Amino acid sequence: MATVMWEVRAVEGRQDDLLAWVLDRVPAGAQVYRSSDGEPRLVVIDPSGTAAESLAGAPDELAARPAHAWSFDRV
């Protein structure tokens, strides 16, 4: 299965709440990153390829826009 990169932008001031929501649902073995440039973004890198499914439906009150997911194959 392909690795999935999942990305979402949080509503201003709600990044910690969105992070808690993500951490509660992220697949085992996935890595979660928070933007270090001040933008309220979260990224999940999931080698199991299931993050897009387990993180589908981020709450509208936490996500500034719908999440995006991309699949990648290891080279």
N, C-alpha and C. Protein backbone atom coordinates (compact mmCIF):
# COMPACT_ATOMS: atom_id res chain seq x y z
N MET A 1 0.85 -1.18 0.00
CA MET A 1 0.00 0.00 0.00
C MET A 1 0.89 1.24 0.00
N ALA A 2 0.42 2.29 -0.63
CA ALA A 2 1.18 3.54 -0.75
C ALA A 2 1.16 4.31 0.57
N THR A 3 2.22 5.08 0.79
CA THR A 3 2.27 5.99 1.93
C THR A 3 1.34 7.16 1.65
N VAL A 4 0.65 7.62 2.66
CA VAL A 4 -0.27 8.75 2.52
C VAL A 4 0.28 9.96 3.29
N MET A 5 0.22 11.12 2.65
CA MET A 5 0.48 12.39 3.32
C MET A 5 -0.86 13.10 3.41
N TRP A 6 -1.27 13.44 4.62
CA TRP A 6 -2.55 14.10 4.87
C TRP A 6 -2.24 15.45 5.49
N GLU A 7 -2.89 16.51 5.00
CA GLU A 7 -2.60 17.87 5.47
C GLU A 7 -3.90 18.62 5.69
N VAL A 8 -3.93 19.41 6.77
CA VAL A 8 -5.11 20.22 7.07
C VAL A 8 -4.66 21.54 7.71
N ARG A 9 -5.41 22.58 7.43
CA ARG A 9 -5.17 23.89 8.04
C ARG A 9 -6.23 24.10 9.12
N ALA A 10 -5.78 24.47 10.30
CA ALA A 10 -6.70 24.67 11.43
C ALA A 10 -7.31 26.07 11.38
N VAL A 11 -8.49 26.18 11.94
CA VAL A 11 -9.10 27.48 12.18
C VAL A 11 -8.19 28.23 13.14
N GLU A 12 -7.99 29.51 12.90
CA GLU A 12 -7.11 30.32 13.76
C GLU A 12 -7.47 30.13 15.23
N GLY A 13 -6.48 29.82 16.04
CA GLY A 13 -6.69 29.63 17.47
C GLY A 13 -7.17 28.24 17.87
N ARG A 14 -7.36 27.34 16.90
CA ARG A 14 -7.88 26.00 17.20
C ARG A 14 -6.91 24.88 16.86
N GLN A 15 -5.64 25.21 16.59
CA GLN A 15 -4.68 24.19 16.18
C GLN A 15 -4.51 23.11 17.25
N ASP A 16 -4.44 23.49 18.51
CA ASP A 16 -4.27 22.49 19.56
C ASP A 16 -5.48 21.55 19.64
N ASP A 17 -6.67 22.09 19.43
CA ASP A 17 -7.88 21.26 19.42
C ASP A 17 -7.87 20.31 18.24
N LEU A 18 -7.48 20.80 17.07
CA LEU A 18 -7.40 19.95 15.89
C LEU A 18 -6.32 18.89 16.08
N LEU A 19 -5.19 19.27 16.67
CA LEU A 19 -4.12 18.31 16.93
C LEU A 19 -4.62 17.19 17.84
N ALA A 20 -5.37 17.52 18.88
CA ALA A 20 -5.92 16.50 19.78
C ALA A 20 -6.87 15.58 19.01
N TRP A 21 -7.68 16.14 18.12
CA TRP A 21 -8.60 15.34 17.30
C TRP A 21 -7.81 14.37 16.42
N VAL A 22 -6.74 14.88 15.78
CA VAL A 22 -5.90 14.04 14.90
C VAL A 22 -5.23 12.94 15.72
N LEU A 23 -4.61 13.28 16.83
CA LEU A 23 -3.88 12.30 17.63
C LEU A 23 -4.80 11.20 18.16
N ASP A 24 -6.05 11.51 18.33
CA ASP A 24 -7.02 10.53 18.81
C ASP A 24 -7.39 9.53 17.71
N ARG A 25 -7.14 9.87 16.43
CA ARG A 25 -7.58 9.05 15.30
C ARG A 25 -6.46 8.54 14.40
N VAL A 26 -5.26 9.05 14.56
CA VAL A 26 -4.16 8.73 13.65
C VAL A 26 -3.79 7.25 13.75
N PRO A 27 -3.52 6.61 12.61
CA PRO A 27 -3.13 5.20 12.64
C PRO A 27 -1.79 5.00 13.36
N ALA A 28 -1.63 3.85 13.98
CA ALA A 28 -0.37 3.50 14.63
C ALA A 28 0.76 3.55 13.61
N GLY A 29 1.89 4.10 14.01
CA GLY A 29 3.05 4.18 13.13
C GLY A 29 3.10 5.43 12.27
N ALA A 30 2.03 6.21 12.27
CA ALA A 30 2.02 7.45 11.49
C ALA A 30 2.77 8.53 12.25
N GLN A 31 3.33 9.48 11.52
CA GLN A 31 4.05 10.61 12.11
C GLN A 31 3.21 11.87 11.92
N VAL A 32 3.08 12.66 12.97
CA VAL A 32 2.29 13.88 12.95
C VAL A 32 3.22 15.07 13.11
N TYR A 33 3.04 16.06 12.25
CA TYR A 33 3.87 17.27 12.27
C TYR A 33 2.99 18.50 12.39
N ARG A 34 3.53 19.51 13.07
CA ARG A 34 2.89 20.82 13.20
C ARG A 34 3.78 21.81 12.47
N SER A 35 3.19 22.72 11.73
CA SER A 35 3.95 23.72 10.99
C SER A 35 4.80 24.55 11.94
N SER A 36 6.03 24.83 11.52
CA SER A 36 6.92 25.65 12.35
C SER A 36 7.03 27.08 11.83
N ASP A 37 6.25 27.41 10.78
CA ASP A 37 6.33 28.76 10.21
C ASP A 37 5.19 29.68 10.67
N GLY A 38 4.49 29.26 11.71
CA GLY A 38 3.42 30.09 12.26
C GLY A 38 2.06 29.83 11.65
N GLU A 39 2.01 29.12 10.53
CA GLU A 39 0.73 28.77 9.93
C GLU A 39 0.11 27.62 10.73
N PRO A 40 -1.20 27.65 10.96
CA PRO A 40 -1.83 26.58 11.76
C PRO A 40 -2.12 25.33 10.93
N ARG A 41 -1.06 24.63 10.50
CA ARG A 41 -1.22 23.44 9.67
C ARG A 41 -0.70 22.22 10.39
N LEU A 42 -1.33 21.08 10.08
CA LEU A 42 -0.89 19.79 10.56
C LEU A 42 -0.69 18.88 9.36
N VAL A 43 0.34 18.04 9.44
CA VAL A 43 0.63 17.07 8.39
C VAL A 43 0.82 15.71 9.05
N VAL A 44 0.25 14.69 8.43
CA VAL A 44 0.42 13.32 8.87
C VAL A 44 1.07 12.55 7.73
N ILE A 45 2.15 11.82 8.03
CA ILE A 45 2.79 10.92 7.07
C ILE A 45 2.50 9.51 7.58
N ASP A 46 1.79 8.74 6.77
CA ASP A 46 1.32 7.43 7.21
C ASP A 46 1.75 6.32 6.26
N PRO A 47 2.74 5.53 6.66
CA PRO A 47 3.21 4.43 5.81
C PRO A 47 2.16 3.34 5.59
N SER A 48 1.17 3.23 6.47
CA SER A 48 0.15 2.20 6.30
C SER A 48 -0.86 2.56 5.21
N GLY A 49 -0.90 3.85 4.85
CA GLY A 49 -1.80 4.30 3.80
C GLY A 49 -3.25 4.46 4.21
N THR A 50 -3.53 4.43 5.50
CA THR A 50 -4.93 4.49 5.95
C THR A 50 -5.32 5.82 6.58
N ALA A 51 -4.41 6.77 6.66
CA ALA A 51 -4.70 8.04 7.34
C ALA A 51 -5.86 8.79 6.70
N ALA A 52 -5.94 8.78 5.38
CA ALA A 52 -7.03 9.52 4.72
C ALA A 52 -8.39 9.01 5.17
N GLU A 53 -8.49 7.71 5.41
CA GLU A 53 -9.75 7.14 5.87
C GLU A 53 -10.00 7.43 7.35
N SER A 54 -8.99 7.21 8.18
CA SER A 54 -9.19 7.38 9.62
C SER A 54 -9.33 8.84 10.02
N LEU A 55 -8.81 9.75 9.20
CA LEU A 55 -8.89 11.18 9.51
C LEU A 55 -9.94 11.91 8.67
N ALA A 56 -10.73 11.17 7.92
CA ALA A 56 -11.78 11.79 7.10
C ALA A 56 -12.79 12.51 8.00
N GLY A 57 -13.27 13.63 7.54
CA GLY A 57 -14.30 14.33 8.28
C GLY A 57 -13.82 15.18 9.43
N ALA A 58 -12.66 15.83 9.26
CA ALA A 58 -12.21 16.75 10.31
C ALA A 58 -13.33 17.76 10.58
N PRO A 59 -13.65 18.03 11.83
CA PRO A 59 -14.76 18.92 12.17
C PRO A 59 -14.60 20.32 11.57
N ASP A 60 -15.68 20.84 10.99
CA ASP A 60 -15.66 22.17 10.37
C ASP A 60 -15.26 23.26 11.34
N GLU A 61 -15.58 23.10 12.62
CA GLU A 61 -15.22 24.14 13.60
C GLU A 61 -13.72 24.13 13.92
N LEU A 62 -13.01 23.09 13.49
CA LEU A 62 -11.57 23.00 13.73
C LEU A 62 -10.74 23.19 12.46
N ALA A 63 -11.28 22.79 11.32
CA ALA A 63 -10.55 22.84 10.05
C ALA A 63 -10.99 24.06 9.24
N ALA A 64 -10.01 24.87 8.83
CA ALA A 64 -10.31 26.09 8.07
C ALA A 64 -10.75 25.78 6.63
N ARG A 65 -10.37 24.60 6.16
CA ARG A 65 -10.75 24.15 4.82
C ARG A 65 -10.67 22.63 4.83
N PRO A 66 -11.24 21.98 3.83
CA PRO A 66 -11.16 20.51 3.81
C PRO A 66 -9.71 20.04 3.77
N ALA A 67 -9.45 18.91 4.41
CA ALA A 67 -8.11 18.31 4.40
C ALA A 67 -7.79 17.80 3.01
N HIS A 68 -6.50 17.69 2.74
CA HIS A 68 -6.02 17.14 1.48
C HIS A 68 -5.18 15.90 1.79
N ALA A 69 -5.23 14.92 0.90
CA ALA A 69 -4.42 13.72 1.07
C ALA A 69 -3.81 13.33 -0.27
N TRP A 70 -2.56 12.88 -0.22
CA TRP A 70 -1.85 12.43 -1.41
C TRP A 70 -1.23 11.07 -1.11
N SER A 71 -1.20 10.20 -2.11
CA SER A 71 -0.55 8.90 -1.99
C SER A 71 0.81 8.95 -2.68
N PHE A 72 1.79 8.29 -2.07
CA PHE A 72 3.13 8.24 -2.61
C PHE A 72 3.63 6.80 -2.59
N ASP A 73 4.41 6.45 -3.59
CA ASP A 73 5.10 5.16 -3.63
C ASP A 73 6.56 5.40 -3.36
N ARG A 74 7.15 4.56 -2.51
CA ARG A 74 8.58 4.67 -2.19
C ARG A 74 9.40 4.36 -3.44
N VAL A 75 10.43 5.14 -3.68
CA VAL A 75 11.30 4.97 -4.85
C VAL A 75 12.59 4.31 -4.42
